[in-house]
């Protein structure tokens, strides 16, 4: 009696060698992971730069507003001082004139 024939086994090429175009699945997934990671890093860097620019603009805008507000208050104080000085000088001048003429 003859032995039953077995199906031929696929040829075993052994471990993949470098430079032969066959990239192992693990190495391929690591490469994809590295690409995704570098892309994520660049996106995060752009996002961080954008947030930094936004914060700097906001800070500059607040500084300009504070400067304007202080300038307005100083101007109002200057006007009040000038009016008060004019009133005091007028009162003193008329009292002096009254004393001299009496």
PDB file of N, CA and C in Angstrom:
ATOM      1  N   UNK A   1       0.819  -1.162   0.000  1.00  0.00           N
ATOM      2  CA  UNK A   1       0.000   0.000   0.000  1.00  0.00           C
ATOM      3  C   UNK A   1       0.873   1.238   0.000  1.00  0.00           C
ATOM      4  N   UNK A   2       0.450   2.222  -0.796  1.00  0.00           N
ATOM      5  CA  UNK A   2       1.249   3.429  -0.933  1.00  0.00           C
ATOM      6  C   UNK A   2       0.739   4.503   0.027  1.00  0.00           C
ATOM      7  N   UNK A   3       1.627   5.327   0.430  1.00  0.00           N
ATOM      8  CA  UNK A   3       1.265   6.422   1.339  1.00  0.00           C
ATOM      9  C   UNK A   3       0.515   7.506   0.574  1.00  0.00           C
ATOM     10  N   UNK A   4      -0.498   8.151   1.230  1.00  0.00           N
ATOM     11  CA  UNK A   4      -1.220   9.223   0.548  1.00  0.00           C
ATOM     12  C   UNK A   4      -0.286  10.412   0.309  1.00  0.00           C
ATOM     13  N   UNK A   5      -0.474  11.030  -0.814  1.00  0.00           N
ATOM     14  CA  UNK A   5       0.373  12.195  -1.132  1.00  0.00           C
ATOM     15  C   UNK A   5      -0.119  13.409  -0.348  1.00  0.00           C
ATOM     16  N   UNK A   6       0.859  14.161   0.125  1.00  0.00           N
ATOM     17  CA  UNK A   6       0.524  15.371   0.877  1.00  0.00           C
ATOM     18  C   UNK A   6       0.644  16.586  -0.039  1.00  0.00           C
ATOM     19  N   UNK A   7      -0.101  17.601   0.302  1.00  0.00           N
ATOM     20  CA  UNK A   7      -0.036  18.840  -0.488  1.00  0.00           C
ATOM     21  C   UNK A   7       1.342  19.447  -0.310  1.00  0.00           C
ATOM     22  N   UNK A   8       1.880  20.032  -1.362  1.00  0.00           N
ATOM     23  CA  UNK A   8       3.218  20.617  -1.219  1.00  0.00           C
ATOM     24  C   UNK A   8       3.182  21.816  -0.275  1.00  0.00           C
ATOM     25  N   UNK A   9       4.193  21.920   0.567  1.00  0.00           N
ATOM     26  CA  UNK A   9       4.283  23.030   1.529  1.00  0.00           C
ATOM     27  C   UNK A   9       4.811  24.255   0.811  1.00  0.00           C
ATOM     28  N   UNK A  10       4.323  25.441   1.228  1.00  0.00           N
ATOM     29  CA  UNK A  10       4.829  26.661   0.596  1.00  0.00           C
ATOM     30  C   UNK A  10       6.308  26.827   0.938  1.00  0.00           C
ATOM     31  N   UNK A  11       7.056  27.356  -0.006  1.00  0.00           N
ATOM     32  CA  UNK A  11       8.494  27.495   0.262  1.00  0.00           C
ATOM     33  C   UNK A  11       8.729  28.498   1.378  1.00  0.00           C
ATOM     34  N   UNK A  12       9.633  28.153   2.261  1.00  0.00           N
ATOM     35  CA  UNK A  12       9.982  29.030   3.383  1.00  0.00           C
ATOM     36  C   UNK A  12      11.159  29.889   2.953  1.00  0.00           C
ATOM     37  N   UNK A  13      10.921  31.172   2.877  1.00  0.00           N
ATOM     38  CA  UNK A  13      11.971  32.075   2.444  1.00  0.00           C
ATOM     39  C   UNK A  13      12.852  32.501   3.608  1.00  0.00           C
ATOM     40  N   UNK A  14      12.505  32.146   4.780  1.00  0.00           N
ATOM     41  CA  UNK A  14      13.298  32.527   5.940  1.00  0.00           C
ATOM     42  C   UNK A  14      13.000  33.954   6.333  1.00  0.00           C
ATOM     43  N   UNK A  15      13.811  34.477   7.227  1.00  0.00           N
ATOM     44  CA  UNK A  15      13.572  35.857   7.665  1.00  0.00           C
ATOM     45  C   UNK A  15      13.841  36.828   6.520  1.00  0.00           C
ATOM     46  N   UNK A  16      13.050  37.889   6.441  1.00  0.00           N
ATOM     47  CA  UNK A  16      13.249  38.855   5.353  1.00  0.00           C
ATOM     48  C   UNK A  16      14.610  39.521   5.484  1.00  0.00           C
ATOM     49  N   UNK A  17      15.257  39.683   4.360  1.00  0.00           N
ATOM     50  CA  UNK A  17      16.574  40.317   4.356  1.00  0.00           C
ATOM     51  C   UNK A  17      16.422  41.783   3.985  1.00  0.00           C
ATOM     52  N   UNK A  18      17.354  42.592   4.473  1.00  0.00           N
ATOM     53  CA  UNK A  18      17.328  44.027   4.189  1.00  0.00           C
ATOM     54  C   UNK A  18      17.607  44.274   2.726  1.00  0.00           C
ATOM     55  N   UNK A  19      16.939  45.302   2.191  1.00  0.00           N
ATOM     56  CA  UNK A  19      17.212  45.711   0.837  1.00  0.00           C
ATOM     57  C   UNK A  19      16.541  44.867  -0.217  1.00  0.00           C
ATOM     58  N   UNK A  20      15.626  43.990   0.147  1.00  0.00           N
ATOM     59  CA  UNK A  20      14.966  43.148  -0.837  1.00  0.00           C
ATOM     60  C   UNK A  20      13.529  43.557  -1.094  1.00  0.00           C
ATOM     61  N   UNK A  21      13.109  44.759  -0.663  1.00  0.00           N
ATOM     62  CA  UNK A  21      11.784  45.253  -0.969  1.00  0.00           C
ATOM     63  C   UNK A  21      10.679  44.683  -0.094  1.00  0.00           C
ATOM     64  N   UNK A  22      10.937  43.614   0.608  1.00  0.00           N
ATOM     65  CA  UNK A  22       9.910  43.038   1.477  1.00  0.00           C
ATOM     66  C   UNK A  22      10.108  43.625   2.868  1.00  0.00           C
ATOM     67  N   UNK A  23       9.131  44.466   3.278  1.00  0.00           N
ATOM     68  CA  UNK A  23       9.221  45.110   4.585  1.00  0.00           C
ATOM     69  C   UNK A  23       8.354  44.310   5.542  1.00  0.00           C
ATOM     70  N   UNK A  24       8.909  43.869   6.636  1.00  0.00           N
ATOM     71  CA  UNK A  24       8.089  43.134   7.588  1.00  0.00           C
ATOM     72  C   UNK A  24       6.970  44.017   8.120  1.00  0.00           C
ATOM     73  N   UNK A  25       5.879  43.391   8.469  1.00  0.00           N
ATOM     74  CA  UNK A  25       4.697  44.118   8.923  1.00  0.00           C
ATOM     75  C   UNK A  25       4.998  44.961  10.162  1.00  0.00           C
ATOM     76  N   UNK A  26       5.771  44.444  11.086  1.00  0.00           N
ATOM     77  CA  UNK A  26       6.103  45.186  12.297  1.00  0.00           C
ATOM     78  C   UNK A  26       6.886  46.451  11.954  1.00  0.00           C
ATOM     79  N   UNK A  27       7.866  46.314  11.071  1.00  0.00           N
ATOM     80  CA  UNK A  27       8.677  47.469  10.685  1.00  0.00           C
ATOM     81  C   UNK A  27       7.816  48.495   9.952  1.00  0.00           C
ATOM     82  N   UNK A  28       6.897  48.018   9.134  1.00  0.00           N
ATOM     83  CA  UNK A  28       5.996  48.904   8.388  1.00  0.00           C
ATOM     84  C   UNK A  28       5.109  49.672   9.364  1.00  0.00           C
ATOM     85  N   UNK A  29       4.570  48.973  10.349  1.00  0.00           N
ATOM     86  CA  UNK A  29       3.696  49.660  11.295  1.00  0.00           C
ATOM     87  C   UNK A  29       4.495  50.643  12.158  1.00  0.00           C
ATOM     88  N   UNK A  30       5.746  50.318  12.466  1.00  0.00           N
ATOM     89  CA  UNK A  30       6.584  51.260  13.212  1.00  0.00           C
ATOM     90  C   UNK A  30       6.848  52.507  12.385  1.00  0.00           C
ATOM     91  N   UNK A  31       7.089  52.319  11.097  1.00  0.00           N
ATOM     92  CA  UNK A  31       7.317  53.455  10.206  1.00  0.00           C
ATOM     93  C   UNK A  31       6.069  54.332  10.139  1.00  0.00           C
ATOM     94  N   UNK A  32       4.912  53.686  10.002  1.00  0.00           N
ATOM     95  CA  UNK A  32       3.658  54.445   9.972  1.00  0.00           C
ATOM     96  C   UNK A  32       3.456  55.188  11.285  1.00  0.00           C
ATOM     97  N   UNK A  33       3.781  54.540  12.385  1.00  0.00           N
ATOM     98  CA  UNK A  33       3.643  55.156  13.702  1.00  0.00           C
ATOM     99  C   UNK A  33       4.580  56.359  13.827  1.00  0.00           C
ATOM    100  N   UNK A  34       5.812  56.221  13.333  1.00  0.00           N
ATOM    101  CA  UNK A  34       6.758  57.332  13.376  1.00  0.00           C
ATOM    102  C   UNK A  34       6.265  58.510  12.533  1.00  0.00           C
ATOM    103  N   UNK A  35       5.734  58.211  11.352  1.00  0.00           N
ATOM    104  CA  UNK A  35       5.192  59.278  10.503  1.00  0.00           C
ATOM    105  C   UNK A  35       4.020  59.973  11.190  1.00  0.00           C
ATOM    106  N   UNK A  36       3.133  59.194  11.764  1.00  0.00           N
ATOM    107  CA  UNK A  36       1.977  59.776  12.456  1.00  0.00           C
ATOM    108  C   UNK A  36       2.438  60.616  13.646  1.00  0.00           C
ATOM    109  N   UNK A  37       3.447  60.110  14.358  1.00  0.00           N
ATOM    110  CA  UNK A  37       3.959  60.832  15.520  1.00  0.00           C
ATOM    111  C   UNK A  37       4.593  62.155  15.100  1.00  0.00           C
ATOM    112  N   UNK A  38       5.407  62.136  14.046  1.00  0.00           N
ATOM    113  CA  UNK A  38       6.044  63.379  13.598  1.00  0.00           C
ATOM    114  C   UNK A  38       5.002  64.364  13.080  1.00  0.00           C
ATOM    115  N   UNK A  39       3.962  63.851  12.419  1.00  0.00           N
ATOM    116  CA  UNK A  39       2.891  64.728  11.941  1.00  0.00           C
ATOM    117  C   UNK A  39       2.160  65.360  13.128  1.00  0.00           C
ATOM    118  N   UNK A  40       1.891  64.551  14.147  1.00  0.00           N
ATOM    119  CA  UNK A  40       1.215  65.045  15.354  1.00  0.00           C
ATOM    120  C   UNK A  40       2.072  66.106  16.049  1.00  0.00           C
ATOM    121  N   UNK A  41       3.373  65.874  16.088  1.00  0.00           N
ATOM    122  CA  UNK A  41       4.273  66.838  16.720  1.00  0.00           C
ATOM    123  C   UNK A  41       4.237  68.161  15.963  1.00  0.00           C
ATOM    124  N   UNK A  42       4.286  68.102  14.628  1.00  0.00           N
ATOM    125  CA  UNK A  42       4.270  69.352  13.861  1.00  0.00           C
ATOM    126  C   UNK A  42       2.932  70.075  14.031  1.00  0.00           C
ATOM    127  N   UNK A  43       1.826  69.324  14.065  1.00  0.00           N
ATOM    128  CA  UNK A  43       0.518  69.962  14.290  1.00  0.00           C
ATOM    129  C   UNK A  43       0.462  70.614  15.668  1.00  0.00           C
ATOM    130  N   UNK A  44       0.993  69.914  16.674  1.00  0.00           N
ATOM    131  CA  UNK A  44       0.997  70.445  18.043  1.00  0.00           C
ATOM    132  C   UNK A  44       1.872  71.699  18.116  1.00  0.00           C
ATOM    133  N   UNK A  45       3.002  71.676  17.401  1.00  0.00           N
ATOM    134  CA  UNK A  45       3.889  72.836  17.387  1.00  0.00           C
ATOM    135  C   UNK A  45       3.184  74.041  16.764  1.00  0.00           C
ATOM    136  N   UNK A  46       2.485  73.806  15.639  1.00  0.00           N
ATOM    137  CA  UNK A  46       1.746  74.904  14.994  1.00  0.00           C
ATOM    138  C   UNK A  46       0.652  75.436  15.911  1.00  0.00           C
ATOM    139  N   UNK A  47      -0.042  74.532  16.571  1.00  0.00           N
ATOM    140  CA  UNK A  47      -1.120  74.925  17.487  1.00  0.00           C
ATOM    141  C   UNK A  47      -0.562  75.767  18.634  1.00  0.00           C
ATOM    142  N   UNK A  48       0.588  75.319  19.189  1.00  0.00           N
ATOM    143  CA  UNK A  48       1.217  76.049  20.277  1.00  0.00           C
ATOM    144  C   UNK A  48       1.655  77.438  19.829  1.00  0.00           C
ATOM    145  N   UNK A  49       2.233  77.527  18.629  1.00  0.00           N
ATOM    146  CA  UNK A  49       2.646  78.828  18.099  1.00  0.00           C
ATOM    147  C   UNK A  49       1.446  79.744  17.891  1.00  0.00           C
ATOM    148  N   UNK A  50       0.359  79.167  17.392  1.00  0.00           N
ATOM    149  CA  UNK A  50      -0.852  79.959  17.177  1.00  0.00           C
ATOM    150  C   UNK A  50      -1.403  80.475  18.504  1.00  0.00           C
ATOM    151  N   UNK A  51      -1.440  79.613  19.513  1.00  0.00           N
ATOM    152  CA  UNK A  51      -1.919  80.039  20.833  1.00  0.00           C
ATOM    153  C   UNK A  51      -1.020  81.127  21.417  1.00  0.00           C
ATOM    154  N   UNK A  52       0.284  80.979  21.202  1.00  0.00           N
ATOM    155  CA  UNK A  52       1.226  81.977  21.712  1.00  0.00           C
ATOM    156  C   UNK A  52       0.986  83.329  21.041  1.00  0.00           C
ATOM    157  N   UNK A  53       0.812  83.310  19.706  1.00  0.00           N
ATOM    158  CA  UNK A  53       0.552  84.571  18.992  1.00  0.00           C
ATOM    159  C   UNK A  53      -0.753  85.199  19.467  1.00  0.00           C
ATOM    160  N   UNK A  54      -1.777  84.388  19.668  1.00  0.00           N
ATOM    161  CA  UNK A  54      -3.065  84.896  20.142  1.00  0.00           C
ATOM    162  C   UNK A  54      -2.922  85.533  21.516  1.00  0.00           C
ATOM    163  N   UNK A  55      -2.184  84.862  22.401  1.00  0.00           N
ATOM    164  CA  UNK A  55      -1.982  85.402  23.750  1.00  0.00           C
ATOM    165  C   UNK A  55      -1.193  86.706  23.695  1.00  0.00           C
ATOM    166  N   UNK A  56      -0.181  86.773  22.828  1.00  0.00           N
ATOM    167  CA  UNK A  56       0.602  87.999  22.707  1.00  0.00           C
ATOM    168  C   UNK A  56      -0.255  89.140  22.177  1.00  0.00           C
ATOM    169  N   UNK A  57      -1.123  88.852  21.196  1.00  0.00           N
ATOM    170  CA  UNK A  57      -2.016  89.891  20.662  1.00  0.00           C
ATOM    171  C   UNK A  57      -2.956  90.393  21.749  1.00  0.00           C
ATOM    172  N   UNK A  58      -3.514  89.450  22.525  1.00  0.00           N
ATOM    173  CA  UNK A  58      -4.442  89.821  23.591  1.00  0.00           C
ATOM    174  C   UNK A  58      -3.731  90.684  24.639  1.00  0.00           C
ATOM    175  N   UNK A  59      -2.508  90.301  24.999  1.00  0.00           N
ATOM    176  CA  UNK A  59      -1.740  91.063  25.980  1.00  0.00           C
ATOM    177  C   UNK A  59      -1.456  92.468  25.468  1.00  0.00           C
ATOM    178  N   UNK A  60      -1.054  92.557  24.207  1.00  0.00           N
ATOM    179  CA  UNK A  60      -0.770  93.869  23.607  1.00  0.00           C
ATOM    180  C   UNK A  60      -2.029  94.734  23.591  1.00  0.00           C
ATOM    181  N   UNK A  61      -3.167  94.126  23.232  1.00  0.00           N
ATOM    182  CA  UNK A  61      -4.428  94.874  23.169  1.00  0.00           C
ATOM    183  C   UNK A  61      -4.812  95.411  24.557  1.00  0.00           C
ATOM    184  N   UNK A  62      -4.658  94.563  25.592  1.00  0.00           N
ATOM    185  CA  UNK A  62      -4.977  95.014  26.950  1.00  0.00           C
ATOM    186  C   UNK A  62      -4.046  96.127  27.398  1.00  0.00           C
ATOM    187  N   UNK A  63      -2.769  96.009  27.022  1.00  0.00           N
ATOM    188  CA  UNK A  63      -1.801  97.045  27.383  1.00  0.00           C
ATOM    189  C   UNK A  63      -2.158  98.374  26.730  1.00  0.00           C
ATOM    190  N   UNK A  64      -2.559  98.335  25.472  1.00  0.00           N
ATOM    191  CA  UNK A  64      -2.967  99.558  24.767  1.00  0.00           C
ATOM    192  C   UNK A  64      -4.205 100.153  25.426  1.00  0.00           C
ATOM    193  N   UNK A  65      -5.166  99.293  25.806  1.00  0.00           N
ATOM    194  CA  UNK A  65      -6.385  99.785  26.462  1.00  0.00           C
ATOM    195  C   UNK A  65      -6.056 100.443  27.802  1.00  0.00           C
ATOM    196  N   UNK A  66      -5.155  99.780  28.582  1.00  0.00           N
ATOM    197  CA  UNK A  66      -4.764 100.363  29.876  1.00  0.00           C
ATOM    198  C   UNK A  66      -4.081 101.713  29.684  1.00  0.00           C
ATOM    199  N   UNK A  67      -3.185 101.786  28.693  1.00  0.00           N
ATOM    200  CA  UNK A  67      -2.476 103.029  28.417  1.00  0.00           C
ATOM    201  C   UNK A  67      -3.464 104.131  28.037  1.00  0.00           C
ATOM    202  N   UNK A  68      -4.441 103.788  27.199  1.00  0.00           N
ATOM    203  CA  UNK A  68      -5.456 104.766  26.779  1.00  0.00           C
ATOM    204  C   UNK A  68      -6.281 105.233  27.980  1.00  0.00           C
ATOM    205  N   UNK A  69      -6.664 104.273  28.826  1.00  0.00           N
ATOM    206  CA  UNK A  69      -7.474 104.614  29.999  1.00  0.00           C
ATOM    207  C   UNK A  69      -6.687 105.533  30.937  1.00  0.00           C
ATOM    208  N   UNK A  70      -5.400 105.185  31.173  1.00  0.00           N
ATOM    209  CA  UNK A  70      -4.572 106.046  32.027  1.00  0.00           C
ATOM    210  C   UNK A  70      -4.402 107.429  31.412  1.00  0.00           C
ATOM    211  N   UNK A  71      -4.234 107.478  30.099  1.00  0.00           N
ATOM    212  CA  UNK A  71      -4.093 108.766  29.418  1.00  0.00           C
ATOM    213  C   UNK A  71      -5.346 109.605  29.559  1.00  0.00           C
ATOM    214  N   UNK A  72      -6.512 108.965  29.437  1.00  0.00           N
ATOM    215  CA  UNK A  72      -7.780 109.699  29.589  1.00  0.00           C
ATOM    216  C   UNK A  72      -7.932 110.230  31.009  1.00  0.00           C
ATOM    217  N   UNK A  73      -7.577 109.397  31.988  1.00  0.00           N
ATOM    218  CA  UNK A  73      -7.684 109.841  33.382  1.00  0.00           C
ATOM    219  C   UNK A  73      -6.719 110.990  33.660  1.00  0.00           C
ATOM    220  N   UNK A  74      -5.508 110.906  33.122  1.00  0.00           N
ATOM    221  CA  UNK A  74      -4.541 111.992  33.317  1.00  0.00           C
ATOM    222  C   UNK A  74      -5.027 113.285  32.668  1.00  0.00           C
ATOM    223  N   UNK A  75      -5.621 113.161  31.487  1.00  0.00           N
ATOM    224  CA  UNK A  75      -6.142 114.357  30.818  1.00  0.00           C
ATOM    225  C   UNK A  75      -7.262 114.972  31.644  1.00  0.00           C
ATOM    226  N   UNK A  76      -8.176 114.154  32.155  1.00  0.00           N
ATOM    227  CA  UNK A  76      -9.280 114.671  32.986  1.00  0.00           C
ATOM    228  C   UNK A  76      -8.725 115.349  34.238  1.00  0.00           C
ATOM    229  N   UNK A  77      -7.700 114.729  34.847  1.00  0.00           N
ATOM    230  CA  UNK A  77      -7.075 115.327  36.028  1.00  0.00           C
ATOM    231  C   UNK A  77      -6.404 116.658  35.682  1.00  0.00           C
ATOM    232  N   UNK A  78      -5.762 116.745  34.528  1.00  0.00           N
ATOM    233  CA  UNK A  78      -5.134 117.988  34.082  1.00  0.00           C
ATOM    234  C   UNK A  78      -6.171 119.086  33.884  1.00  0.00           C
ATOM    235  N   UNK A  79      -7.285 118.755  33.219  1.00  0.00           N
ATOM    236  CA  UNK A  79      -8.344 119.736  32.989  1.00  0.00           C
ATOM    237  C   UNK A  79      -8.918 120.216  34.317  1.00  0.00           C
ATOM    238  N   UNK A  80      -9.170 119.274  35.234  1.00  0.00           N
ATOM    239  CA  UNK A  80      -9.716 119.656  36.549  1.00  0.00           C
ATOM    240  C   UNK A  80      -8.738 120.549  37.296  1.00  0.00           C
ATOM    241  N   UNK A  81      -7.443 120.219  37.227  1.00  0.00           N
ATOM    242  CA  UNK A  81      -6.425 121.040  37.904  1.00  0.00           C
ATOM    243  C   UNK A  81      -6.377 122.451  37.320  1.00  0.00           C
ATOM    244  N   UNK A  82      -6.447 122.543  35.996  1.00  0.00           N
ATOM    245  CA  UNK A  82      -6.422 123.872  35.359  1.00  0.00           C
ATOM    246  C   UNK A  82      -7.643 124.704  35.750  1.00  0.00           C
ATOM    247  N   UNK A  83      -8.814 124.078  35.767  1.00  0.00           N
ATOM    248  CA  UNK A  83     -10.045 124.806  36.142  1.00  0.00           C
ATOM    249  C   UNK A  83      -9.979 125.245  37.597  1.00  0.00           C
ATOM    250  N   UNK A  84      -9.520 124.343  38.472  1.00  0.00           N
ATOM    251  CA  UNK A  84      -9.409 124.675  39.896  1.00  0.00           C
ATOM    252  C   UNK A  84      -8.385 125.795  40.100  1.00  0.00           C
ATOM    253  N   UNK A  85      -7.260 125.713  39.384  1.00  0.00           N
ATOM    254  CA  UNK A  85      -6.237 126.765  39.494  1.00  0.00           C
ATOM    255  C   UNK A  85      -6.797 128.107  39.019  1.00  0.00           C
ATOM    256  N   UNK A  86      -7.514 128.102  37.911  1.00  0.00           N
ATOM    257  CA  UNK A  86      -8.098 129.349  37.398  1.00  0.00           C
ATOM    258  C   UNK A  86      -9.108 129.919  38.404  1.00  0.00           C
ATOM    259  N   UNK A  87      -9.910 129.045  39.013  1.00  0.00           N
ATOM    260  CA  UNK A  87     -10.893 129.520  40.001  1.00  0.00           C
ATOM    261  C   UNK A  87     -10.194 130.116  41.215  1.00  0.00           C
ATOM    262  N   UNK A  88      -9.159 129.437  41.719  1.00  0.00           N
ATOM    263  CA  UNK A  88      -8.440 129.935  42.902  1.00  0.00           C
ATOM    264  C   UNK A  88      -7.764 131.276  42.584  1.00  0.00           C
ATOM    265  N   UNK A  89      -7.112 131.350  41.431  1.00  0.00           N
ATOM    266  CA  UNK A  89      -6.428 132.602  41.045  1.00  0.00           C
ATOM    267  C   UNK A  89      -7.440 133.736  40.918  1.00  0.00           C
ATOM    268  N   UNK A  90      -8.608 133.438  40.333  1.00  0.00           N
ATOM    269  CA  UNK A  90      -9.641 134.470  40.178  1.00  0.00           C
ATOM    270  C   UNK A  90     -10.121 134.959  41.538  1.00  0.00           C
ATOM    271  N   UNK A  91     -10.404 134.047  42.455  1.00  0.00           N
ATOM    272  CA  UNK A  91     -10.879 134.435  43.787  1.00  0.00           C
ATOM    273  C   UNK A  91      -9.818 135.260  44.512  1.00  0.00           C
ATOM    274  N   UNK A  92      -8.570 134.790  44.480  1.00  0.00           N
ATOM    275  CA  UNK A  92      -7.486 135.502  45.170  1.00  0.00           C
ATOM    276  C   UNK A  92      -7.278 136.892  44.554  1.00  0.00           C
ATOM    277  N   UNK A  93      -7.338 136.985  43.245  1.00  0.00           N
ATOM    278  CA  UNK A  93      -7.143 138.265  42.562  1.00  0.00           C
ATOM    279  C   UNK A  93      -8.233 139.266  42.963  1.00  0.00           C
ATOM    280  N   UNK A  94      -9.495 138.807  42.961  1.00  0.00           N
ATOM    281  CA  UNK A  94     -10.570 139.747  43.323  1.00  0.00           C
ATOM    282  C   UNK A  94     -10.509 140.137  44.796  1.00  0.00           C
ATOM    283  N   UNK A  95     -10.126 139.222  45.678  1.00  0.00           N
ATOM    284  CA  UNK A  95      -9.990 139.583  47.102  1.00  0.00           C
ATOM    285  C   UNK A  95      -8.860 140.614  47.285  1.00  0.00           C
ATOM    286  N   UNK A  96      -7.755 140.381  46.589  1.00  0.00           N
ATOM    287  CA  UNK A  96      -6.632 141.322  46.681  1.00  0.00           C
ATOM    288  C   UNK A  96      -7.061 142.692  46.151  1.00  0.00           C
ATOM    289  N   UNK A  97      -7.746 142.696  45.037  1.00  0.00           N
ATOM    290  CA  UNK A  97      -8.244 143.945  44.463  1.00  0.00           C
ATOM    291  C   UNK A  97      -9.218 144.649  45.441  1.00  0.00           C
ATOM    292  N   UNK A  98     -10.080 143.895  46.100  1.00  0.00           N
ATOM    293  CA  UNK A  98     -11.031 144.437  47.073  1.00  0.00           C
ATOM    294  C   UNK A  98     -10.278 145.067  48.247  1.00  0.00           C
ATOM    295  N   UNK A  99      -9.216 144.325  48.719  1.00  0.00           N
ATOM    296  CA  UNK A  99      -8.443 144.852  49.844  1.00  0.00           C
ATOM    297  C   UNK A  99      -7.688 146.127  49.453  1.00  0.00           C
ATOM    298  N   UNK A 100      -7.170 146.173  48.240  1.00  0.00           N
ATOM    299  CA  UNK A 100      -6.417 147.354  47.807  1.00  0.00           C
ATOM    300  C   UNK A 100      -7.327 148.579  47.601  1.00  0.00           C
ATOM    301  N   UNK A 101      -8.516 148.347  47.136  1.00  0.00           N
ATOM    302  CA  UNK A 101      -9.425 149.470  46.852  1.00  0.00           C
ATOM    303  C   UNK A 101     -10.226 149.905  48.069  1.00  0.00           C
ATOM    304  N   UNK A 102     -10.242 149.187  49.115  1.00  0.00           N
ATOM    305  CA  UNK A 102     -11.050 149.634  50.257  1.00  0.00           C
ATOM    306  C   UNK A 102     -10.312 150.502  51.223  1.00  0.00           C
TER     307      UNK A 102
END
